[in-house]
Amino acid sequence: MRLVLVSAAAAACLAQVTAVTLAEELNQPPQGFTAAFNGEDLSGWKGGSTVDPRKISPEQQAKWDADIPKHWKVDNGEIVNDGHEPHLVTDKDYGDFELWIDWKLAPKGDSGVYLRGCPQVQLWDPGNEEAHQHGSDKGSGGLWNNQQHERFPTQVADKPVGQWNRMYVRMVGQYVTVVLNDKKVVDNVVLENYYDRSMPVFKSGPIHLQTHGSETRFRNVFVREIPADEANRILAEIGGGDAEFQPLLNGKDLSGWIGATDDYEVVDGAVQAKKGRGGNLLTEEEYEDFIVRMEFKLPPGGNNGLAIRTPDAKTNPAFGAIELQVLDDAPEHYPDLQDYQTHGSVYGLIAAKRGFLRPVGQWNYQETVVDGDHIIVRLNGFTILDGRVSEALKKPLDGQDHAGAARKRGHFGFAGHQDPVAFRNVRIKRLSAD
């Protein structure tokens, strides 16, 4: 049976249909998915624990691997753990993905599924009164380790202890959806970075099966990696859709734009600076507060910028307004790059989190919120910048004069720097009645 899940709503609808097919063919993946567990042995898995994956030593990894046979086995097509560590961890790392997994707990059982190495989708016995103080009565499927975002499921969807539960998980950027036994219990909730709360969750990482205290069983572990274009469509849905957004590009020419129109061109529906040329390409209209969504593609080392509230095409937005960096900031291209120059940064003022761009040649998705002096940048589903310009102006990171950053209104556009950075699906929504 063909299984294509591209939205949380689709997940809820298709879960019931798919359940029949998965049950008939144990550990055989539906079309488009790969079996992470082959049903016979633990090939493709290693040991692990609740440890920052960036800090695992080879010695520690070897010890966990050696301990797997003591606590994990395969029994009649099922993965079985005796309730003790180490975790069972995929050799493969995943970025954006969908996961199907069946699990079964013993009475008072407590387990979890780590996503990209980060805890966790919580699995436990809702009837265990001893754990009610921790929220077990609210059911399984929640992101229990969250502190700022919702940590509990919306409803109890668990089967009685001793019966198999079927769970679907989708992770795109930092957003997680969970459907448990055909009921959506988590709807695009941010999974926080357990190891560093100041950073978004990891861009990629392994899946963990975690148990502690009692026997837990798993089967039908299937994964599908979500390609960039599909992820971009999902991210637009997560943001509430584009119904109230106005397109800024017609895909044919530069109608509605002013400034360096001779230095830009439309190629395959996307606008880009001509190689070796650039300048400010600005909207005819001016904007005050707004949300802008777009896709962009970088060439190696590519450099451009988003001009925010720029007064005219001659003004350098980095100092006479606001420029948000659009940059392939890989160290091999810019080894001496300052934090305030990385992709997504308010140039010279507020540094963005680095490391969340897609590989060169893929289309990235970005949503930028400009609300008064508050700027938020979400790149590929990760919040990489959230700051206030008024605070940054008190002590600019680059030590330069950025008086123009206090502007309340101006043109939106692109600040090209001689590289053919491509933009498409650019749409904008006003937040103020300007």
Protein backbone atom coordinates (compact mmCIF):
# COMPACT_ATOMS: atom_id res chain seq x y z
CA MET A 1 0.00 0.00 0.00
CA ARG A 2 1.30 3.45 -0.93
CA LEU A 3 2.04 5.54 2.18
CA VAL A 4 2.77 9.26 1.69
CA LEU A 5 2.31 11.45 4.78
CA VAL A 6 2.94 15.12 4.12
CA SER A 7 1.00 16.81 6.91
CA ALA A 8 -0.17 16.27 10.47
CA ALA A 9 -3.76 16.06 9.22
CA ALA A 10 -2.78 13.39 6.71
CA ALA A 11 -1.00 11.46 9.44
CA ALA A 12 -4.13 11.29 11.53
CA CYS A 13 -6.22 10.13 8.59
CA LEU A 14 -3.82 7.58 7.14
CA ALA A 15 -2.79 5.98 10.42
CA GLN A 16 -5.90 3.80 10.47
CA VAL A 17 -5.50 2.70 6.86
CA THR A 18 -1.84 1.83 7.23
CA ALA A 19 -2.30 -0.12 10.46
CA VAL A 20 -3.86 -3.05 8.61
CA THR A 21 -1.01 -3.36 6.12
CA LEU A 22 1.72 -3.12 8.73
CA ALA A 23 0.11 -5.76 10.91
CA GLU A 24 -0.12 -8.23 8.02
CA GLU A 25 3.57 -8.03 7.14
CA LEU A 26 5.69 -7.88 10.29
CA ASN A 27 8.76 -5.65 9.92
CA GLN A 28 8.11 -5.11 6.20
CA PRO A 29 8.07 -1.38 5.45
CA PRO A 30 5.35 0.33 3.43
CA GLN A 31 6.29 1.95 0.16
CA GLY A 32 8.71 4.85 0.59
CA PHE A 33 9.86 3.76 4.05
CA THR A 34 12.95 1.83 5.14
CA ALA A 35 13.00 -0.78 7.90
CA ALA A 36 15.38 0.41 10.62
CA PHE A 37 14.93 -3.02 12.25
CA ASN A 38 15.23 -6.06 9.96
CA GLY A 39 13.26 -8.38 12.24
CA GLU A 40 16.15 -10.81 12.70
CA ASP A 41 19.04 -9.10 14.49
CA LEU A 42 20.28 -5.71 15.68
CA SER A 43 22.30 -4.83 12.61
CA GLY A 44 22.31 -1.08 12.06
CA TRP A 45 22.07 -0.28 15.76
CA LYS A 46 24.57 0.68 18.45
CA GLY A 47 24.56 1.56 22.13
CA GLY A 48 23.92 4.95 23.70
CA SER A 49 22.56 6.91 26.62
CA THR A 50 21.30 10.36 27.59
CA VAL A 51 24.56 12.05 26.67
CA ASP A 52 25.19 15.02 24.41
CA PRO A 53 26.16 13.24 21.16
CA ARG A 54 28.92 15.80 20.56
CA LYS A 55 30.66 14.65 23.73
CA ILE A 56 30.70 10.86 23.32
CA SER A 57 34.19 9.41 23.44
CA PRO A 58 35.22 6.31 21.43
CA GLU A 59 35.82 4.50 24.73
CA GLN A 60 32.33 5.25 25.99
CA GLN A 61 30.79 4.19 22.69
CA ALA A 62 32.70 0.90 22.78
CA LYS A 63 31.43 0.17 26.31
CA TRP A 64 27.82 0.79 25.34
CA ASP A 65 28.19 -1.41 22.26
CA ALA A 66 29.66 -4.21 24.35
CA ASP A 67 26.71 -4.01 26.78
CA ILE A 68 23.98 -4.32 24.14
CA PRO A 69 23.85 -8.18 24.15
CA LYS A 70 23.40 -8.11 27.94
CA HIS A 71 20.16 -6.17 27.77
CA TRP A 72 18.80 -6.30 24.21
CA LYS A 73 17.75 -9.23 22.04
CA VAL A 74 15.47 -10.17 19.16
CA ASP A 75 12.59 -12.50 19.98
CA ASN A 76 10.17 -13.66 17.28
CA GLY A 77 10.61 -10.51 15.20
CA GLU A 78 10.50 -8.17 18.18
CA ILE A 79 13.20 -6.05 19.82
CA VAL A 80 13.22 -6.81 23.55
CA ASN A 81 14.92 -4.87 26.34
CA ASP A 82 15.11 -6.03 29.95
CA GLY A 83 14.66 -2.52 31.38
CA HIS A 84 18.34 -1.61 31.64
CA GLU A 85 20.70 0.61 29.66
CA PRO A 86 22.31 1.18 27.26
CA HIS A 87 19.81 2.62 24.81
CA LEU A 88 19.51 1.08 21.38
CA VAL A 89 20.55 3.75 18.86
CA THR A 90 20.42 3.82 15.06
CA ASP A 91 23.77 3.93 13.31
CA LYS A 92 22.19 6.35 10.86
CA ASP A 93 21.45 10.00 11.58
CA TYR A 94 18.21 11.58 10.40
CA GLY A 95 17.25 15.16 9.64
CA ASP A 96 13.60 15.65 8.68
CA PHE A 97 11.81 12.31 8.83
CA GLU A 98 8.72 10.24 9.50
CA LEU A 99 8.80 7.26 11.84
CA TRP A 100 6.40 4.40 12.40
CA ILE A 101 7.01 2.21 15.43
CA ASP A 102 5.07 -0.35 17.46
CA TRP A 103 5.79 -0.64 21.19
CA LYS A 104 4.51 -2.63 24.15
CA LEU A 105 5.11 -2.01 27.84
CA ALA A 106 4.96 -4.15 30.95
CA PRO A 107 3.01 -2.88 34.00
CA LYS A 108 4.57 0.33 35.38
CA GLY A 109 6.72 0.48 32.24
CA ASP A 110 8.65 3.62 31.35
CA SER A 111 10.37 4.11 28.01
CA GLY A 112 10.96 6.68 25.30
CA VAL A 113 12.00 7.43 21.74
CA TYR A 114 14.75 10.03 21.29
CA LEU A 115 14.62 12.12 18.14
CA ARG A 116 17.95 13.20 16.61
CA GLY A 117 19.60 11.98 19.80
CA CYS A 118 17.48 14.28 21.98
CA PRO A 119 14.92 13.17 24.59
CA GLN A 120 12.15 12.37 24.03
CA VAL A 121 8.76 11.07 22.99
CA GLN A 122 7.62 9.68 26.34
CA LEU A 123 6.21 6.14 26.59
CA TRP A 124 4.80 4.97 29.92
CA ASP A 125 2.00 3.22 31.74
CA PRO A 126 -0.83 5.73 32.36
CA GLY A 127 -2.16 3.46 35.09
CA ASN A 128 1.03 3.59 37.15
CA GLU A 129 -0.09 5.73 40.10
CA GLU A 130 3.47 6.01 41.38
CA ALA A 131 4.37 8.02 38.27
CA HIS A 132 1.27 10.21 38.21
CA GLN A 133 3.25 12.92 39.98
CA HIS A 134 5.38 13.08 36.83
CA GLY A 135 2.39 13.10 34.47
CA SER A 136 2.03 9.47 33.45
CA ASP A 137 -1.75 9.75 33.87
CA LYS A 138 -1.74 12.14 30.88
CA GLY A 139 -0.65 9.31 28.58
CA SER A 140 2.19 8.57 26.18
CA GLY A 141 3.47 10.48 23.19
CA GLY A 142 4.31 13.81 24.81
CA LEU A 143 7.65 15.63 24.66
CA TRP A 144 8.25 15.16 28.36
CA ASN A 145 11.63 16.90 28.64
CA ASN A 146 10.38 20.22 27.27
CA GLN A 147 10.45 23.21 29.61
CA GLN A 148 9.25 26.14 27.49
CA HIS A 149 6.95 24.32 25.08
CA GLU A 150 4.15 21.84 25.69
CA ARG A 151 5.42 18.62 27.24
CA PHE A 152 2.27 16.53 27.64
CA PRO A 153 0.02 14.88 25.04
CA THR A 154 -3.39 16.36 24.27
CA GLN A 155 -5.18 13.15 25.25
CA VAL A 156 -4.62 9.64 26.56
CA ALA A 157 -4.40 7.35 23.55
CA ASP A 158 -2.56 4.35 25.04
CA LYS A 159 -3.77 0.80 24.63
CA PRO A 160 -4.05 -1.24 27.85
CA VAL A 161 -0.67 -2.35 29.16
CA GLY A 162 0.39 -5.59 27.49
CA GLN A 163 -1.13 -4.64 24.14
CA TRP A 164 0.76 -3.24 21.16
CA ASN A 165 0.65 0.50 20.52
CA ARG A 166 1.23 1.92 17.06
CA MET A 167 2.89 5.33 16.88
CA TYR A 168 3.63 7.73 14.04
CA VAL A 169 6.17 10.55 14.55
CA ARG A 170 7.02 13.32 12.12
CA MET A 171 9.90 15.72 12.74
CA VAL A 172 10.54 18.70 10.47
CA GLY A 173 13.00 21.28 11.73
CA GLN A 174 12.30 21.59 15.43
CA TYR A 175 8.62 20.64 15.09
CA VAL A 176 7.26 17.25 16.16
CA THR A 177 3.88 15.64 15.49
CA VAL A 178 2.84 12.38 17.17
CA VAL A 179 -0.13 10.19 16.29
CA LEU A 180 -0.69 7.37 18.78
CA ASN A 181 -3.15 4.61 17.98
CA ASP A 182 -4.85 6.81 15.32
CA LYS A 183 -5.16 9.82 17.66
CA LYS A 184 -3.07 12.94 17.27
CA VAL A 185 -1.52 13.66 20.66
CA VAL A 186 1.20 16.16 19.67
CA ASP A 187 0.65 18.72 16.92
CA ASN A 188 3.80 20.45 15.63
CA VAL A 189 5.28 21.15 19.04
CA VAL A 190 8.88 22.36 19.29
CA LEU A 191 11.25 19.74 20.70
CA GLU A 192 13.76 21.59 22.86
CA ASN A 193 17.46 20.85 22.94
CA TYR A 194 17.84 18.97 26.20
CA TYR A 195 21.62 19.39 26.20
CA ASP A 196 21.75 23.12 25.43
CA ARG A 197 18.53 25.07 25.99
CA SER A 198 20.06 28.13 24.31
CA MET A 199 20.23 26.30 20.96
CA PRO A 200 17.61 24.66 18.74
CA VAL A 201 17.47 20.88 18.70
CA PHE A 202 20.11 19.25 16.50
CA LYS A 203 19.77 19.51 12.74
CA SER A 204 20.28 15.75 12.46
CA GLY A 205 20.92 12.82 14.74
CA PRO A 206 20.01 9.20 15.52
CA ILE A 207 16.84 7.64 16.86
CA HIS A 208 17.13 6.10 20.34
CA LEU A 209 15.00 3.40 21.91
CA GLN A 210 15.21 4.07 25.63
CA THR A 211 13.89 1.93 28.47
CA HIS A 212 14.38 1.80 32.19
CA GLY A 213 12.91 -0.39 34.87
CA SER A 214 10.91 -3.06 33.06
CA GLU A 215 10.70 -5.06 29.86
CA THR A 216 9.80 -3.12 26.69
CA ARG A 217 9.23 -4.50 23.20
CA PHE A 218 9.42 -2.80 19.79
CA ARG A 219 8.63 -3.92 16.24
CA ASN A 220 7.77 -2.44 12.83
CA VAL A 221 10.34 0.36 13.03
CA PHE A 222 10.09 2.20 9.72
CA VAL A 223 11.63 5.53 8.70
CA ARG A 224 11.20 7.81 5.70
CA GLU A 225 13.49 10.77 5.19
CA ILE A 226 11.61 13.89 4.08
CA PRO A 227 13.22 15.71 1.12
CA ALA A 228 13.78 19.47 1.25
CA ASP A 229 10.98 20.53 -1.09
CA GLU A 230 8.42 18.50 0.85
CA ALA A 231 9.78 19.81 4.15
CA ASN A 232 9.36 23.37 2.85
CA ARG A 233 5.69 22.73 2.07
CA ILE A 234 5.15 21.27 5.53
CA LEU A 235 6.83 24.26 7.19
CA ALA A 236 4.49 26.62 5.35
CA GLU A 237 1.54 24.59 6.70
CA ILE A 238 2.93 24.68 10.23
CA GLY A 239 3.08 28.46 10.03
CA GLY A 240 -0.64 28.61 9.32
CA GLY A 241 -0.63 28.48 5.53
CA ASP A 242 -0.21 31.32 3.04
CA ALA A 243 -3.83 32.49 2.72
CA GLU A 244 -3.11 35.98 4.10
CA PHE A 245 0.24 36.40 2.34
CA GLN A 246 0.76 38.35 -0.85
CA PRO A 247 3.28 37.08 -3.43
CA LEU A 248 6.08 39.52 -4.24
CA LEU A 249 7.42 37.70 -7.31
CA ASN A 250 5.45 36.76 -10.41
CA GLY A 251 8.07 34.28 -11.64
CA LYS A 252 8.38 36.04 -15.00
CA ASP A 253 9.86 39.52 -14.56
CA LEU A 254 10.64 42.19 -11.97
CA SER A 255 7.33 44.03 -12.09
CA GLY A 256 6.68 45.67 -8.72
CA TRP A 257 10.38 46.08 -7.94
CA ILE A 258 12.69 49.10 -8.02
CA GLY A 259 16.41 49.74 -7.65
CA ALA A 260 19.02 47.47 -9.25
CA THR A 261 16.59 45.85 -11.67
CA ASP A 262 19.26 45.64 -14.40
CA ASP A 263 21.51 43.61 -12.08
CA TYR A 264 18.96 40.88 -11.33
CA GLU A 265 17.23 38.33 -13.52
CA VAL A 266 14.45 35.77 -13.34
CA VAL A 267 15.64 32.20 -13.93
CA ASP A 268 13.21 29.27 -13.77
CA GLY A 269 10.74 31.37 -11.81
CA ALA A 270 13.30 32.54 -9.23
CA VAL A 271 14.99 35.93 -8.97
CA GLN A 272 18.75 36.14 -8.56
CA ALA A 273 21.57 38.63 -8.91
CA LYS A 274 23.50 38.29 -12.12
CA LYS A 275 26.93 36.82 -11.50
CA GLY A 276 29.40 39.55 -10.58
CA ARG A 277 26.63 42.11 -10.06
CA GLY A 278 24.33 43.05 -7.23
CA GLY A 279 22.92 46.07 -5.45
CA ASN A 280 19.58 46.65 -3.75
CA LEU A 281 16.50 45.23 -5.42
CA LEU A 282 13.53 46.62 -3.48
CA THR A 283 9.75 46.38 -3.49
CA GLU A 284 7.89 49.40 -4.81
CA GLU A 285 5.74 49.32 -1.68
CA GLU A 286 6.94 50.14 1.80
CA TYR A 287 6.30 48.02 4.87
CA GLU A 288 6.29 48.60 8.61
CA ASP A 289 5.66 45.37 10.51
CA PHE A 290 5.39 42.14 8.53
CA ILE A 291 6.14 38.44 8.11
CA VAL A 292 7.97 37.37 4.98
CA ARG A 293 8.34 33.78 3.83
CA MET A 294 10.61 32.56 1.08
CA GLU A 295 12.77 29.84 -0.32
CA PHE A 296 16.36 30.55 -1.30
CA LYS A 297 19.23 28.59 -2.81
CA LEU A 298 22.89 29.41 -2.26
CA PRO A 299 25.84 28.76 -4.55
CA PRO A 300 29.11 27.83 -2.77
CA GLY A 301 30.09 30.83 -0.66
CA GLY A 302 27.06 32.75 -1.90
CA ASN A 303 26.34 36.11 -0.27
CA ASN A 304 23.20 38.26 -0.31
CA GLY A 305 20.96 39.85 2.28
CA LEU A 306 17.40 40.79 3.14
CA ALA A 307 16.93 44.56 3.19
CA ILE A 308 14.45 45.50 5.93
CA ARG A 309 12.75 48.93 6.02
CA THR A 310 15.30 50.37 3.61
CA PRO A 311 14.63 54.02 2.62
CA ASP A 312 15.93 53.78 -0.97
CA ALA A 313 18.06 51.73 -3.34
CA LYS A 314 21.21 53.78 -2.68
CA THR A 315 21.27 53.17 1.09
CA ASN A 316 23.41 50.37 2.48
CA PRO A 317 20.80 48.47 4.54
CA ALA A 318 23.45 47.04 6.87
CA PHE A 319 23.86 50.53 8.38
CA GLY A 320 21.07 52.71 7.01
CA ALA A 321 18.33 50.18 7.81
CA ILE A 322 18.51 46.47 8.72
CA GLU A 323 20.20 43.75 6.73
CA LEU A 324 19.59 40.12 7.54
CA GLN A 325 22.45 38.01 6.24
CA VAL A 326 21.82 35.46 3.49
CA LEU A 327 25.10 33.60 3.29
CA ASP A 328 26.71 30.22 2.77
CA ASP A 329 28.62 30.66 6.04
CA ALA A 330 30.54 27.38 5.86
CA PRO A 331 33.96 27.80 7.51
CA GLU A 332 35.83 26.76 4.36
CA HIS A 333 34.47 29.85 2.61
CA TYR A 334 34.67 32.32 5.49
CA PRO A 335 37.14 31.07 8.13
CA ASP A 336 37.27 34.45 9.92
CA LEU A 337 33.54 35.15 9.91
CA GLN A 338 32.25 36.97 12.99
CA ASP A 339 29.15 35.66 14.79
CA TYR A 340 27.15 38.72 13.71
CA GLN A 341 27.95 37.97 10.06
CA THR A 342 26.56 34.43 9.89
CA HIS A 343 23.42 33.55 7.97
CA GLY A 344 20.26 35.02 9.51
CA SER A 345 22.10 37.58 11.65
CA VAL A 346 21.00 41.19 11.93
CA TYR A 347 24.27 42.35 10.43
CA GLY A 348 26.57 43.87 13.05
CA LEU A 349 23.90 43.79 15.75
CA ILE A 350 22.40 40.39 16.60
CA ALA A 351 24.13 37.05 15.94
CA ALA A 352 22.10 34.12 14.64
CA LYS A 353 22.58 30.47 15.55
CA ARG A 354 24.85 28.84 13.00
CA GLY A 355 24.64 25.45 11.35
CA PHE A 356 21.04 25.12 10.13
CA LEU A 357 21.40 25.77 6.41
CA ARG A 358 20.74 22.93 4.01
CA PRO A 359 23.54 21.71 1.74
CA VAL A 360 24.51 24.07 -1.06
CA GLY A 361 22.24 23.55 -4.06
CA GLN A 362 19.13 22.71 -2.00
CA TRP A 363 16.28 25.15 -1.43
CA ASN A 364 16.11 26.52 2.10
CA TYR A 365 12.90 27.74 3.70
CA GLN A 366 12.91 30.87 5.83
CA GLU A 367 10.28 32.82 7.72
CA THR A 368 11.22 36.26 9.07
CA VAL A 369 9.05 38.19 11.50
CA VAL A 370 9.59 41.96 11.78
CA ASP A 371 7.35 43.31 14.55
CA GLY A 372 8.45 46.70 15.86
CA ASP A 373 12.03 46.21 17.01
CA HIS A 374 11.51 42.47 17.48
CA ILE A 375 13.11 40.26 14.79
CA ILE A 376 12.62 36.49 14.56
CA VAL A 377 14.25 34.30 11.92
CA ARG A 378 13.16 30.69 11.45
CA LEU A 379 15.37 28.77 9.03
CA ASN A 380 14.28 25.35 7.80
CA GLY A 381 12.06 25.06 10.86
CA PHE A 382 14.68 26.15 13.41
CA THR A 383 14.50 29.45 15.30
CA ILE A 384 17.98 30.82 14.68
CA LEU A 385 17.41 34.42 15.78
CA ASP A 386 15.03 36.04 18.27
CA GLY A 387 16.10 39.48 19.42
CA ARG A 388 15.30 43.16 19.81
CA VAL A 389 17.09 45.77 17.75
CA SER A 390 16.64 48.44 20.42
CA GLU A 391 18.67 46.40 22.87
CA ALA A 392 21.34 45.57 20.28
CA LEU A 393 21.76 49.24 19.37
CA LYS A 394 22.93 50.01 22.89
CA LYS A 395 26.17 48.16 22.13
CA PRO A 396 26.54 47.07 18.50
CA LEU A 397 28.55 43.87 18.16
CA ASP A 398 30.67 45.32 15.36
CA GLY A 399 31.21 48.67 17.09
CA GLN A 400 29.72 50.56 14.13
CA ASP A 401 26.94 53.14 13.86
CA HIS A 402 23.65 51.44 12.93
CA ALA A 403 21.31 54.40 13.47
CA GLY A 404 19.22 53.35 10.46
CA ALA A 405 18.21 50.14 12.22
CA ALA A 406 15.73 52.16 14.27
CA ARG A 407 13.67 52.99 11.18
CA LYS A 408 9.97 52.13 11.50
CA ARG A 409 9.10 51.81 7.83
CA GLY A 410 10.70 51.25 4.45
CA HIS A 411 11.14 48.96 1.47
CA PHE A 412 11.78 45.22 1.63
CA GLY A 413 14.18 43.55 -0.75
CA PHE A 414 17.49 41.90 -1.53
CA ALA A 415 20.97 43.32 -0.97
CA GLY A 416 23.02 41.48 -3.58
CA HIS A 417 26.77 41.00 -3.34
CA GLN A 418 27.79 39.72 -6.81
CA ASP A 419 26.64 36.14 -6.22
CA PRO A 420 23.70 34.37 -7.97
CA VAL A 421 21.74 33.59 -4.81
CA ALA A 422 18.25 32.54 -5.95
CA PHE A 423 14.92 33.43 -4.26
CA ARG A 424 11.50 32.03 -5.02
CA ASN A 425 8.01 31.81 -3.46
CA VAL A 426 8.57 35.13 -1.70
CA ARG A 427 5.36 36.25 0.01
CA ILE A 428 4.61 38.85 2.63
CA LYS A 429 1.93 39.56 5.23
CA ARG A 430 1.49 42.95 6.87
CA LEU A 431 1.15 42.92 10.66
CA SER A 432 0.20 46.59 10.88
CA ALA A 433 -2.34 48.73 9.05
CA ASP A 434 0.35 50.76 7.31
